[in-house]
């Protein structure tokens, strides 16, 4: 059989890890800084607190912590990795990539490294890219990291955005396998519609000469989120060859409890099968899905062989979904 005729390998998730900064900012803390209160924030978002990076802490630092924990779970070392992909909107520097800095800090000199920028959909995009690279034979083991220091691009006088976001990092290890048909990443879909750029964006960047802060039309974002995430999930499930009732867990982007509740209802999933961390983590953008996933893994809620649906939407607009059978056959 020629190389072109060989079947694609399965791309397994064999480890996960996460990191949250030590500092916690509660809704009551925010009430001392701006015109808001705990009840107002909880009713609209489901958020009660968020973690905030320390003054000397960088996105790459959080990414490295999460990657170490994921490697440990997978029983691998940094030298085993062929690639490092970091999904982030808040890089350490304009360049080099945050992934290159993570590579240096991990000591993974043999691994290629680059960033993916799709805001809150970044983890789904990075997962899709890594899946394609492994299936094409360009790599056998890749660490995918979502890491954000989102607090550094917030206007702390704007209660419509400042209350929503937090900082953190999450990571997963992807490995190729020729002996695990029907396991790993079963499907992944990604989409972009730049016509809606102005409903969620940052009013700055290197070419504009300033960092800028987050600007958002919350009502429009909510409307697009529920519509596009539901459609994306439908397509991912269809491409996976499974049915809605085959999904064991929903691990959604942790943006807003109302959006999560809508998708839960669509999939007809009970509360105990939906991973929710938004109340404690807030929206950590590209980090939110792997953070929530790692928490559920370490609490032994998600078991080997379970089918998990990931989904996320962010500025761009960019959105996507993935269906994954977790772990590997015995």
C-alpha atoms as a PDB file:
ATOM      1  CA  UNK A   1       0.000   0.000   0.000  1.00  0.00           C
ATOM      2  CA  UNK A   2       1.418   3.421  -0.962  1.00  0.00           C
ATOM      3  CA  UNK A   3       1.630   6.245   1.558  1.00  0.00           C
ATOM      4  CA  UNK A   4      -1.182   8.053  -0.269  1.00  0.00           C
ATOM      5  CA  UNK A   5      -3.441   5.018   0.143  1.00  0.00           C
ATOM      6  CA  UNK A   6      -2.772   4.506   3.861  1.00  0.00           C
ATOM      7  CA  UNK A   7      -5.702   5.314   6.182  1.00  0.00           C
ATOM      8  CA  UNK A   8      -5.473   8.374   8.394  1.00  0.00           C
ATOM      9  CA  UNK A   9      -4.427   7.665  11.988  1.00  0.00           C
ATOM     10  CA  UNK A  10      -6.781   8.389  14.853  1.00  0.00           C
ATOM     11  CA  UNK A  11      -5.880  11.536  16.790  1.00  0.00           C
ATOM     12  CA  UNK A  12      -6.300  10.789  20.488  1.00  0.00           C
ATOM     13  CA  UNK A  13      -6.513  13.154  23.460  1.00  0.00           C
ATOM     14  CA  UNK A  14      -4.292  11.384  25.994  1.00  0.00           C
ATOM     15  CA  UNK A  15      -3.735  14.090  28.597  1.00  0.00           C
ATOM     16  CA  UNK A  16      -5.015  17.436  29.846  1.00  0.00           C
ATOM     17  CA  UNK A  17      -3.778  20.155  32.140  1.00  0.00           C
ATOM     18  CA  UNK A  18      -4.765  23.602  33.354  1.00  0.00           C
ATOM     19  CA  UNK A  19      -3.600  26.591  35.344  1.00  0.00           C
ATOM     20  CA  UNK A  20      -5.368  29.468  37.083  1.00  0.00           C
ATOM     21  CA  UNK A  21      -3.581  32.513  38.527  1.00  0.00           C
ATOM     22  CA  UNK A  22      -3.564  32.867  42.294  1.00  0.00           C
ATOM     23  CA  UNK A  23      -5.404  36.198  42.466  1.00  0.00           C
ATOM     24  CA  UNK A  24      -9.209  35.918  42.618  1.00  0.00           C
ATOM     25  CA  UNK A  25     -11.460  38.903  41.851  1.00  0.00           C
ATOM     26  CA  UNK A  26     -15.027  38.447  43.084  1.00  0.00           C
ATOM     27  CA  UNK A  27     -18.163  40.284  42.029  1.00  0.00           C
ATOM     28  CA  UNK A  28     -18.079  42.053  45.389  1.00  0.00           C
ATOM     29  CA  UNK A  29     -14.571  43.258  44.590  1.00  0.00           C
ATOM     30  CA  UNK A  30     -15.808  44.618  41.259  1.00  0.00           C
ATOM     31  CA  UNK A  31     -18.657  46.437  43.014  1.00  0.00           C
ATOM     32  CA  UNK A  32     -16.010  48.532  44.769  1.00  0.00           C
ATOM     33  CA  UNK A  33     -14.442  49.465  41.414  1.00  0.00           C
ATOM     34  CA  UNK A  34     -17.465  50.253  39.218  1.00  0.00           C
ATOM     35  CA  UNK A  35     -21.236  50.680  39.152  1.00  0.00           C
ATOM     36  CA  UNK A  36     -22.265  47.039  39.476  1.00  0.00           C
ATOM     37  CA  UNK A  37     -23.167  44.433  42.072  1.00  0.00           C
ATOM     38  CA  UNK A  38     -23.067  40.687  42.594  1.00  0.00           C
ATOM     39  CA  UNK A  39     -26.755  40.134  41.790  1.00  0.00           C
ATOM     40  CA  UNK A  40     -26.577  42.102  38.515  1.00  0.00           C
ATOM     41  CA  UNK A  41     -23.580  40.100  37.291  1.00  0.00           C
ATOM     42  CA  UNK A  42     -24.913  36.696  38.383  1.00  0.00           C
ATOM     43  CA  UNK A  43     -28.342  37.199  36.803  1.00  0.00           C
ATOM     44  CA  UNK A  44     -26.915  38.176  33.420  1.00  0.00           C
ATOM     45  CA  UNK A  45     -23.885  35.899  33.208  1.00  0.00           C
ATOM     46  CA  UNK A  46     -23.809  33.278  35.972  1.00  0.00           C
ATOM     47  CA  UNK A  47     -20.341  34.550  36.997  1.00  0.00           C
ATOM     48  CA  UNK A  48     -19.374  35.019  40.647  1.00  0.00           C
ATOM     49  CA  UNK A  49     -15.574  35.352  40.399  1.00  0.00           C
ATOM     50  CA  UNK A  50     -12.600  35.244  38.031  1.00  0.00           C
ATOM     51  CA  UNK A  51      -8.817  34.729  38.277  1.00  0.00           C
ATOM     52  CA  UNK A  52      -6.431  37.547  37.355  1.00  0.00           C
ATOM     53  CA  UNK A  53      -2.758  37.274  36.328  1.00  0.00           C
ATOM     54  CA  UNK A  54      -0.104  38.626  38.628  1.00  0.00           C
ATOM     55  CA  UNK A  55       1.871  41.733  37.660  1.00  0.00           C
ATOM     56  CA  UNK A  56       4.905  39.665  36.659  1.00  0.00           C
ATOM     57  CA  UNK A  57       2.931  36.804  35.053  1.00  0.00           C
ATOM     58  CA  UNK A  58       2.734  36.304  31.285  1.00  0.00           C
ATOM     59  CA  UNK A  59       0.469  34.298  29.005  1.00  0.00           C
ATOM     60  CA  UNK A  60       3.407  31.983  28.246  1.00  0.00           C
ATOM     61  CA  UNK A  61       3.920  31.303  31.962  1.00  0.00           C
ATOM     62  CA  UNK A  62       0.337  30.101  32.334  1.00  0.00           C
ATOM     63  CA  UNK A  63       0.622  28.047  29.135  1.00  0.00           C
ATOM     64  CA  UNK A  64       3.757  26.294  30.411  1.00  0.00           C
ATOM     65  CA  UNK A  65       2.081  25.363  33.717  1.00  0.00           C
ATOM     66  CA  UNK A  66      -0.898  23.853  31.864  1.00  0.00           C
ATOM     67  CA  UNK A  67       1.342  22.023  29.386  1.00  0.00           C
ATOM     68  CA  UNK A  68       3.435  20.445  32.162  1.00  0.00           C
ATOM     69  CA  UNK A  69       0.306  19.053  33.809  1.00  0.00           C
ATOM     70  CA  UNK A  70      -1.028  17.705  30.504  1.00  0.00           C
ATOM     71  CA  UNK A  71       2.298  16.028  29.712  1.00  0.00           C
ATOM     72  CA  UNK A  72       2.342  14.455  33.163  1.00  0.00           C
ATOM     73  CA  UNK A  73      -1.152  12.996  32.690  1.00  0.00           C
ATOM     74  CA  UNK A  74      -0.164  11.602  29.275  1.00  0.00           C
ATOM     75  CA  UNK A  75       3.045  10.095  30.672  1.00  0.00           C
ATOM     76  CA  UNK A  76       5.170  12.096  28.238  1.00  0.00           C
ATOM     77  CA  UNK A  77       7.880  14.755  28.378  1.00  0.00           C
ATOM     78  CA  UNK A  78       8.391  17.955  26.405  1.00  0.00           C
ATOM     79  CA  UNK A  79      11.062  16.195  24.312  1.00  0.00           C
ATOM     80  CA  UNK A  80       8.367  13.794  23.035  1.00  0.00           C
ATOM     81  CA  UNK A  81       6.410  16.619  21.382  1.00  0.00           C
ATOM     82  CA  UNK A  82       6.614  17.254  17.643  1.00  0.00           C
ATOM     83  CA  UNK A  83       4.648  20.484  17.847  1.00  0.00           C
ATOM     84  CA  UNK A  84       3.255  23.200  20.120  1.00  0.00           C
ATOM     85  CA  UNK A  85       0.198  25.215  19.104  1.00  0.00           C
ATOM     86  CA  UNK A  86      -0.948  28.037  21.372  1.00  0.00           C
ATOM     87  CA  UNK A  87      -4.368  29.624  20.930  1.00  0.00           C
ATOM     88  CA  UNK A  88      -4.270  33.124  22.388  1.00  0.00           C
ATOM     89  CA  UNK A  89      -5.532  36.661  21.879  1.00  0.00           C
ATOM     90  CA  UNK A  90      -3.136  38.060  24.468  1.00  0.00           C
ATOM     91  CA  UNK A  91       0.386  37.097  23.349  1.00  0.00           C
ATOM     92  CA  UNK A  92       3.432  38.041  25.407  1.00  0.00           C
ATOM     93  CA  UNK A  93       4.843  39.992  22.455  1.00  0.00           C
ATOM     94  CA  UNK A  94       3.813  41.102  18.981  1.00  0.00           C
ATOM     95  CA  UNK A  95       6.476  38.595  17.917  1.00  0.00           C
ATOM     96  CA  UNK A  96       7.868  36.026  18.346  1.00  0.00           C
ATOM     97  CA  UNK A  97       4.865  33.813  18.886  1.00  0.00           C
ATOM     98  CA  UNK A  98       3.882  32.909  22.425  1.00  0.00           C
ATOM     99  CA  UNK A  99       4.277  29.280  21.317  1.00  0.00           C
ATOM    100  CA  UNK A 100       7.953  29.912  20.563  1.00  0.00           C
ATOM    101  CA  UNK A 101       8.393  31.269  24.088  1.00  0.00           C
ATOM    102  CA  UNK A 102       6.547  28.242  25.497  1.00  0.00           C
ATOM    103  CA  UNK A 103       8.823  25.958  23.479  1.00  0.00           C
ATOM    104  CA  UNK A 104      11.890  27.588  25.047  1.00  0.00           C
ATOM    105  CA  UNK A 105      10.472  27.445  28.571  1.00  0.00           C
ATOM    106  CA  UNK A 106       9.463  23.795  28.165  1.00  0.00           C
ATOM    107  CA  UNK A 107      12.820  22.866  26.629  1.00  0.00           C
ATOM    108  CA  UNK A 108      11.091  21.316  23.602  1.00  0.00           C
ATOM    109  CA  UNK A 109      13.680  22.446  21.035  1.00  0.00           C
ATOM    110  CA  UNK A 110      12.683  19.719  18.544  1.00  0.00           C
ATOM    111  CA  UNK A 111       9.050  20.920  18.308  1.00  0.00           C
ATOM    112  CA  UNK A 112       7.665  23.381  15.778  1.00  0.00           C
ATOM    113  CA  UNK A 113       5.692  26.126  17.498  1.00  0.00           C
ATOM    114  CA  UNK A 114       3.158  28.727  16.383  1.00  0.00           C
ATOM    115  CA  UNK A 115       0.121  30.654  17.606  1.00  0.00           C
ATOM    116  CA  UNK A 116      -3.496  30.555  16.446  1.00  0.00           C
ATOM    117  CA  UNK A 117      -5.707  33.622  16.924  1.00  0.00           C
ATOM    118  CA  UNK A 118      -9.458  33.076  16.848  1.00  0.00           C
ATOM    119  CA  UNK A 119     -10.293  34.638  20.232  1.00  0.00           C
ATOM    120  CA  UNK A 120     -12.798  32.505  22.176  1.00  0.00           C
ATOM    121  CA  UNK A 121     -12.939  29.939  19.345  1.00  0.00           C
ATOM    122  CA  UNK A 122      -9.144  29.676  19.393  1.00  0.00           C
ATOM    123  CA  UNK A 123      -8.952  26.289  21.103  1.00  0.00           C
ATOM    124  CA  UNK A 124     -11.327  24.729  18.548  1.00  0.00           C
ATOM    125  CA  UNK A 125      -9.296  26.225  15.705  1.00  0.00           C
ATOM    126  CA  UNK A 126      -6.004  25.007  17.199  1.00  0.00           C
ATOM    127  CA  UNK A 127      -7.469  21.541  17.765  1.00  0.00           C
ATOM    128  CA  UNK A 128      -8.619  21.422  14.146  1.00  0.00           C
ATOM    129  CA  UNK A 129      -5.186  22.487  12.840  1.00  0.00           C
ATOM    130  CA  UNK A 130      -3.365  19.956  15.032  1.00  0.00           C
ATOM    131  CA  UNK A 131      -5.768  17.180  14.008  1.00  0.00           C
ATOM    132  CA  UNK A 132      -5.126  17.893  10.330  1.00  0.00           C
ATOM    133  CA  UNK A 133      -1.359  18.002  10.819  1.00  0.00           C
ATOM    134  CA  UNK A 134      -1.306  14.665  12.620  1.00  0.00           C
ATOM    135  CA  UNK A 135      -3.641  13.020  10.120  1.00  0.00           C
ATOM    136  CA  UNK A 136      -1.428  14.270   7.263  1.00  0.00           C
ATOM    137  CA  UNK A 137       1.646  12.693   8.864  1.00  0.00           C
ATOM    138  CA  UNK A 138       3.453  15.962   9.651  1.00  0.00           C
ATOM    139  CA  UNK A 139       3.502  15.172  13.377  1.00  0.00           C
ATOM    140  CA  UNK A 140       2.646  12.373  15.788  1.00  0.00           C
ATOM    141  CA  UNK A 141       2.389  14.266  19.075  1.00  0.00           C
ATOM    142  CA  UNK A 142       1.246  17.875  19.532  1.00  0.00           C
ATOM    143  CA  UNK A 143       0.394  19.864  22.634  1.00  0.00           C
ATOM    144  CA  UNK A 144      -2.504  22.275  22.052  1.00  0.00           C
ATOM    145  CA  UNK A 145      -2.786  25.104  24.574  1.00  0.00           C
ATOM    146  CA  UNK A 146      -5.364  27.819  25.119  1.00  0.00           C
ATOM    147  CA  UNK A 147      -3.939  30.617  27.274  1.00  0.00           C
ATOM    148  CA  UNK A 148      -5.192  34.134  27.971  1.00  0.00           C
ATOM    149  CA  UNK A 149      -4.301  37.161  30.079  1.00  0.00           C
ATOM    150  CA  UNK A 150      -7.561  38.799  29.052  1.00  0.00           C
ATOM    151  CA  UNK A 151      -7.611  41.147  32.039  1.00  0.00           C
ATOM    152  CA  UNK A 152      -4.887  43.160  30.286  1.00  0.00           C
ATOM    153  CA  UNK A 153      -7.151  44.180  27.410  1.00  0.00           C
ATOM    154  CA  UNK A 154     -10.195  45.165  29.492  1.00  0.00           C
ATOM    155  CA  UNK A 155     -11.526  48.634  30.225  1.00  0.00           C
ATOM    156  CA  UNK A 156     -12.054  48.390  33.972  1.00  0.00           C
ATOM    157  CA  UNK A 157     -14.532  51.267  33.824  1.00  0.00           C
ATOM    158  CA  UNK A 158     -16.812  49.391  31.401  1.00  0.00           C
ATOM    159  CA  UNK A 159     -19.045  47.064  33.377  1.00  0.00           C
ATOM    160  CA  UNK A 160     -20.532  45.563  30.206  1.00  0.00           C
ATOM    161  CA  UNK A 161     -17.205  43.852  29.420  1.00  0.00           C
ATOM    162  CA  UNK A 162     -14.965  43.969  32.523  1.00  0.00           C
ATOM    163  CA  UNK A 163     -17.231  41.677  34.551  1.00  0.00           C
ATOM    164  CA  UNK A 164     -17.211  38.938  31.902  1.00  0.00           C
ATOM    165  CA  UNK A 165     -13.602  37.847  31.551  1.00  0.00           C
ATOM    166  CA  UNK A 166     -10.815  36.135  33.476  1.00  0.00           C
ATOM    167  CA  UNK A 167      -7.344  34.693  32.953  1.00  0.00           C
ATOM    168  CA  UNK A 168      -6.011  31.146  32.771  1.00  0.00           C
ATOM    169  CA  UNK A 169      -4.694  28.350  30.574  1.00  0.00           C
ATOM    170  CA  UNK A 170      -5.636  24.826  29.548  1.00  0.00           C
ATOM    171  CA  UNK A 171      -3.841  22.222  27.442  1.00  0.00           C
ATOM    172  CA  UNK A 172      -4.375  18.847  25.826  1.00  0.00           C
ATOM    173  CA  UNK A 173      -1.957  16.292  24.392  1.00  0.00           C
ATOM    174  CA  UNK A 174      -2.798  14.865  20.974  1.00  0.00           C
ATOM    175  CA  UNK A 175      -1.240  11.592  19.812  1.00  0.00           C
ATOM    176  CA  UNK A 176      -1.499   9.626  16.574  1.00  0.00           C
ATOM    177  CA  UNK A 177      -2.674   6.002  16.766  1.00  0.00           C
ATOM    178  CA  UNK A 178      -3.155   3.373  14.077  1.00  0.00           C
ATOM    179  CA  UNK A 179      -4.893   1.042  16.548  1.00  0.00           C
ATOM    180  CA  UNK A 180      -7.842   3.141  17.724  1.00  0.00           C
ATOM    181  CA  UNK A 181     -10.422   3.414  14.961  1.00  0.00           C
ATOM    182  CA  UNK A 182     -13.494   5.294  16.172  1.00  0.00           C
ATOM    183  CA  UNK A 183     -11.553   7.045  18.953  1.00  0.00           C
ATOM    184  CA  UNK A 184     -10.066  10.513  19.284  1.00  0.00           C
ATOM    185  CA  UNK A 185     -11.155  13.507  17.242  1.00  0.00           C
ATOM    186  CA  UNK A 186     -14.121  12.232  15.243  1.00  0.00           C
ATOM    187  CA  UNK A 187     -15.002  15.553  13.616  1.00  0.00           C
ATOM    188  CA  UNK A 188     -14.114  19.228  13.774  1.00  0.00           C
ATOM    189  CA  UNK A 189     -15.728  22.199  12.031  1.00  0.00           C
ATOM    190  CA  UNK A 190     -14.621  25.841  11.977  1.00  0.00           C
ATOM    191  CA  UNK A 191     -16.283  28.954  10.535  1.00  0.00           C
ATOM    192  CA  UNK A 192     -15.700  32.695  10.211  1.00  0.00           C
ATOM    193  CA  UNK A 193     -17.936  35.620   9.242  1.00  0.00           C
ATOM    194  CA  UNK A 194     -15.984  38.873   9.189  1.00  0.00           C
ATOM    195  CA  UNK A 195     -19.102  40.908   8.441  1.00  0.00           C
ATOM    196  CA  UNK A 196     -19.814  40.877  12.175  1.00  0.00           C
ATOM    197  CA  UNK A 197     -16.378  42.096  13.255  1.00  0.00           C
ATOM    198  CA  UNK A 198     -17.787  45.216  14.920  1.00  0.00           C
ATOM    199  CA  UNK A 199     -19.989  43.459  17.478  1.00  0.00           C
ATOM    200  CA  UNK A 200     -16.945  42.082  19.345  1.00  0.00           C
ATOM    201  CA  UNK A 201     -13.446  43.494  18.866  1.00  0.00           C
ATOM    202  CA  UNK A 202     -10.483  45.279  20.445  1.00  0.00           C
ATOM    203  CA  UNK A 203      -9.954  48.892  19.375  1.00  0.00           C
ATOM    204  CA  UNK A 204      -6.194  48.567  19.065  1.00  0.00           C
ATOM    205  CA  UNK A 205      -3.240  46.597  17.740  1.00  0.00           C
ATOM    206  CA  UNK A 206       0.348  47.123  16.562  1.00  0.00           C
ATOM    207  CA  UNK A 207      -0.675  48.919  13.345  1.00  0.00           C
ATOM    208  CA  UNK A 208      -2.903  51.271  15.373  1.00  0.00           C
ATOM    209  CA  UNK A 209      -0.175  52.130  17.841  1.00  0.00           C
ATOM    210  CA  UNK A 210      -2.016  51.064  20.997  1.00  0.00           C
ATOM    211  CA  UNK A 211      -3.043  47.859  22.742  1.00  0.00           C
ATOM    212  CA  UNK A 212      -6.736  48.802  22.922  1.00  0.00           C
ATOM    213  CA  UNK A 213      -9.547  47.310  24.995  1.00  0.00           C
ATOM    214  CA  UNK A 214     -12.498  44.989  24.378  1.00  0.00           C
ATOM    215  CA  UNK A 215     -15.643  46.487  22.842  1.00  0.00           C
ATOM    216  CA  UNK A 216     -18.824  44.432  22.601  1.00  0.00           C
ATOM    217  CA  UNK A 217     -22.478  44.624  21.646  1.00  0.00           C
ATOM    218  CA  UNK A 218     -23.745  42.008  24.098  1.00  0.00           C
ATOM    219  CA  UNK A 219     -27.210  41.495  22.611  1.00  0.00           C
ATOM    220  CA  UNK A 220     -25.888  40.911  19.111  1.00  0.00           C
ATOM    221  CA  UNK A 221     -23.173  38.564  20.364  1.00  0.00           C
ATOM    222  CA  UNK A 222     -25.729  36.502  22.290  1.00  0.00           C
ATOM    223  CA  UNK A 223     -28.035  36.240  19.268  1.00  0.00           C
ATOM    224  CA  UNK A 224     -25.247  35.064  16.971  1.00  0.00           C
ATOM    225  CA  UNK A 225     -23.777  32.757  19.612  1.00  0.00           C
ATOM    226  CA  UNK A 226     -26.877  30.652  20.151  1.00  0.00           C
ATOM    227  CA  UNK A 227     -27.638  30.456  16.425  1.00  0.00           C
ATOM    228  CA  UNK A 228     -24.123  29.708  15.187  1.00  0.00           C
ATOM    229  CA  UNK A 229     -23.082  27.367  17.991  1.00  0.00           C
ATOM    230  CA  UNK A 230     -26.235  25.282  17.543  1.00  0.00           C
ATOM    231  CA  UNK A 231     -25.621  25.056  13.792  1.00  0.00           C
ATOM    232  CA  UNK A 232     -21.928  24.247  14.285  1.00  0.00           C
ATOM    233  CA  UNK A 233     -22.725  21.477  16.743  1.00  0.00           C
ATOM    234  CA  UNK A 234     -25.252  20.000  14.322  1.00  0.00           C
ATOM    235  CA  UNK A 235     -22.626  19.873  11.578  1.00  0.00           C
ATOM    236  CA  UNK A 236     -19.922  18.428  13.836  1.00  0.00           C
ATOM    237  CA  UNK A 237     -22.243  15.689  15.110  1.00  0.00           C
ATOM    238  CA  UNK A 238     -23.351  14.847  11.561  1.00  0.00           C
ATOM    239  CA  UNK A 239     -19.741  14.646  10.330  1.00  0.00           C
ATOM    240  CA  UNK A 240     -18.789  12.405  13.252  1.00  0.00           C
ATOM    241  CA  UNK A 241     -21.315   9.783  12.148  1.00  0.00           C
ATOM    242  CA  UNK A 242     -22.971   9.891  15.574  1.00  0.00           C
ATOM    243  CA  UNK A 243     -26.354  11.090  16.843  1.00  0.00           C
ATOM    244  CA  UNK A 244     -27.140  13.719  19.462  1.00  0.00           C
ATOM    245  CA  UNK A 245     -27.956  11.019  22.002  1.00  0.00           C
ATOM    246  CA  UNK A 246     -24.469   9.532  21.535  1.00  0.00           C
ATOM    247  CA  UNK A 247     -22.900  12.609  23.163  1.00  0.00           C
ATOM    248  CA  UNK A 248     -21.939  11.848  26.769  1.00  0.00           C
ATOM    249  CA  UNK A 249     -20.659  15.295  27.753  1.00  0.00           C
ATOM    250  CA  UNK A 250     -20.984  18.888  26.615  1.00  0.00           C
ATOM    251  CA  UNK A 251     -17.878  20.947  27.407  1.00  0.00           C
ATOM    252  CA  UNK A 252     -18.841  24.376  26.076  1.00  0.00           C
ATOM    253  CA  UNK A 253     -17.016  27.660  25.870  1.00  0.00           C
ATOM    254  CA  UNK A 254     -17.644  29.264  29.257  1.00  0.00           C
ATOM    255  CA  UNK A 255     -18.903  32.678  28.135  1.00  0.00           C
ATOM    256  CA  UNK A 256     -22.343  33.020  29.649  1.00  0.00           C
ATOM    257  CA  UNK A 257     -24.545  30.575  31.546  1.00  0.00           C
ATOM    258  CA  UNK A 258     -27.551  31.460  29.386  1.00  0.00           C
ATOM    259  CA  UNK A 259     -25.750  30.383  26.210  1.00  0.00           C
ATOM    260  CA  UNK A 260     -24.649  27.151  27.890  1.00  0.00           C
ATOM    261  CA  UNK A 261     -28.217  26.460  29.042  1.00  0.00           C
ATOM    262  CA  UNK A 262     -29.528  26.982  25.513  1.00  0.00           C
ATOM    263  CA  UNK A 263     -27.099  24.450  24.030  1.00  0.00           C
ATOM    264  CA  UNK A 264     -27.791  21.989  26.841  1.00  0.00           C
ATOM    265  CA  UNK A 265     -31.501  22.176  26.039  1.00  0.00           C
ATOM    266  CA  UNK A 266     -30.808  21.686  22.337  1.00  0.00           C
ATOM    267  CA  UNK A 267     -28.829  18.496  23.010  1.00  0.00           C
ATOM    268  CA  UNK A 268     -31.389  17.356  25.623  1.00  0.00           C
ATOM    269  CA  UNK A 269     -28.567  16.772  28.099  1.00  0.00           C
ATOM    270  CA  UNK A 270     -29.086  16.579  31.878  1.00  0.00           C
ATOM    271  CA  UNK A 271     -27.293  19.055  34.137  1.00  0.00           C
ATOM    272  CA  UNK A 272     -24.867  16.419  35.348  1.00  0.00           C
ATOM    273  CA  UNK A 273     -23.532  15.911  31.790  1.00  0.00           C
ATOM    274  CA  UNK A 274     -22.704  19.583  31.118  1.00  0.00           C
ATOM    275  CA  UNK A 275     -19.395  20.925  32.395  1.00  0.00           C
ATOM    276  CA  UNK A 276     -19.843  24.406  33.859  1.00  0.00           C
ATOM    277  CA  UNK A 277     -16.970  26.461  35.244  1.00  0.00           C
ATOM    278  CA  UNK A 278     -18.154  29.920  34.193  1.00  0.00           C
ATOM    279  CA  UNK A 279     -19.249  30.841  37.727  1.00  0.00           C
ATOM    280  CA  UNK A 280     -15.676  30.438  39.042  1.00  0.00           C
ATOM    281  CA  UNK A 281     -13.525  31.108  35.969  1.00  0.00           C
ATOM    282  CA  UNK A 282     -15.635  33.637  34.000  1.00  0.00           C
ATOM    283  CA  UNK A 283     -14.847  33.782  30.276  1.00  0.00           C
ATOM    284  CA  UNK A 284     -11.184  32.885  29.764  1.00  0.00           C
ATOM    285  CA  UNK A 285     -11.517  33.037  25.964  1.00  0.00           C
ATOM    286  CA  UNK A 286      -9.335  30.400  24.237  1.00  0.00           C
ATOM    287  CA  UNK A 287      -8.518  28.840  27.618  1.00  0.00           C
ATOM    288  CA  UNK A 288     -12.101  28.243  28.718  1.00  0.00           C
ATOM    289  CA  UNK A 289     -12.785  24.906  26.998  1.00  0.00           C
ATOM    290  CA  UNK A 290      -9.523  23.136  27.958  1.00  0.00           C
ATOM    291  CA  UNK A 291      -9.774  24.567  31.505  1.00  0.00           C
ATOM    292  CA  UNK A 292     -13.279  23.138  31.925  1.00  0.00           C
ATOM    293  CA  UNK A 293     -12.298  19.860  30.266  1.00  0.00           C
ATOM    294  CA  UNK A 294      -9.287  19.354  32.520  1.00  0.00           C
ATOM    295  CA  UNK A 295     -11.348  20.002  35.631  1.00  0.00           C
ATOM    296  CA  UNK A 296     -13.868  17.335  34.603  1.00  0.00           C
ATOM    297  CA  UNK A 297     -11.068  14.896  33.740  1.00  0.00           C
ATOM    298  CA  UNK A 298      -9.314  15.337  37.076  1.00  0.00           C
ATOM    299  CA  UNK A 299     -12.566  14.916  38.969  1.00  0.00           C
ATOM    300  CA  UNK A 300     -13.082  11.620  37.066  1.00  0.00           C
ATOM    301  CA  UNK A 301     -16.383  12.783  35.686  1.00  0.00           C
ATOM    302  CA  UNK A 302     -15.311  12.264  32.072  1.00  0.00           C
ATOM    303  CA  UNK A 303     -14.241   8.645  31.663  1.00  0.00           C
ATOM    304  CA  UNK A 304     -12.163   6.796  29.093  1.00  0.00           C
ATOM    305  CA  UNK A 305     -14.321   6.189  26.020  1.00  0.00           C
ATOM    306  CA  UNK A 306     -16.794   9.010  26.677  1.00  0.00           C
ATOM    307  CA  UNK A 307     -17.858  11.129  23.699  1.00  0.00           C
ATOM    308  CA  UNK A 308     -17.422  14.852  24.340  1.00  0.00           C
ATOM    309  CA  UNK A 309     -18.724  17.833  22.369  1.00  0.00           C
ATOM    310  CA  UNK A 310     -16.599  20.992  22.436  1.00  0.00           C
ATOM    311  CA  UNK A 311     -17.887  24.306  21.049  1.00  0.00           C
ATOM    312  CA  UNK A 312     -16.871  27.967  21.093  1.00  0.00           C
ATOM    313  CA  UNK A 313     -17.483  31.336  19.449  1.00  0.00           C
ATOM    314  CA  UNK A 314     -15.497  34.546  19.560  1.00  0.00           C
ATOM    315  CA  UNK A 315     -14.633  37.775  17.788  1.00  0.00           C
ATOM    316  CA  UNK A 316     -14.316  37.612  14.050  1.00  0.00           C
ATOM    317  CA  UNK A 317     -16.927  36.236  14.249  1.00  0.00           C
ATOM    318  CA  UNK A 318     -15.167  32.888  14.509  1.00  0.00           C
ATOM    319  CA  UNK A 319     -16.792  29.706  15.795  1.00  0.00           C
ATOM    320  CA  UNK A 320     -16.544  25.955  15.682  1.00  0.00           C
ATOM    321  CA  UNK A 321     -17.200  22.603  17.306  1.00  0.00           C
ATOM    322  CA  UNK A 322     -15.461  19.261  17.779  1.00  0.00           C
ATOM    323  CA  UNK A 323     -16.661  15.775  18.686  1.00  0.00           C
ATOM    324  CA  UNK A 324     -14.084  13.624  20.477  1.00  0.00           C
ATOM    325  CA  UNK A 325     -14.032  10.147  21.972  1.00  0.00           C
ATOM    326  CA  UNK A 326     -11.720  10.608  24.936  1.00  0.00           C
ATOM    327  CA  UNK A 327      -8.759   8.381  25.799  1.00  0.00           C
ATOM    328  CA  UNK A 328      -7.820   5.172  24.005  1.00  0.00           C
ATOM    329  CA  UNK A 329      -9.030   1.574  23.788  1.00  0.00           C
ATOM    330  CA  UNK A 330      -7.778  -0.818  26.454  1.00  0.00           C
END
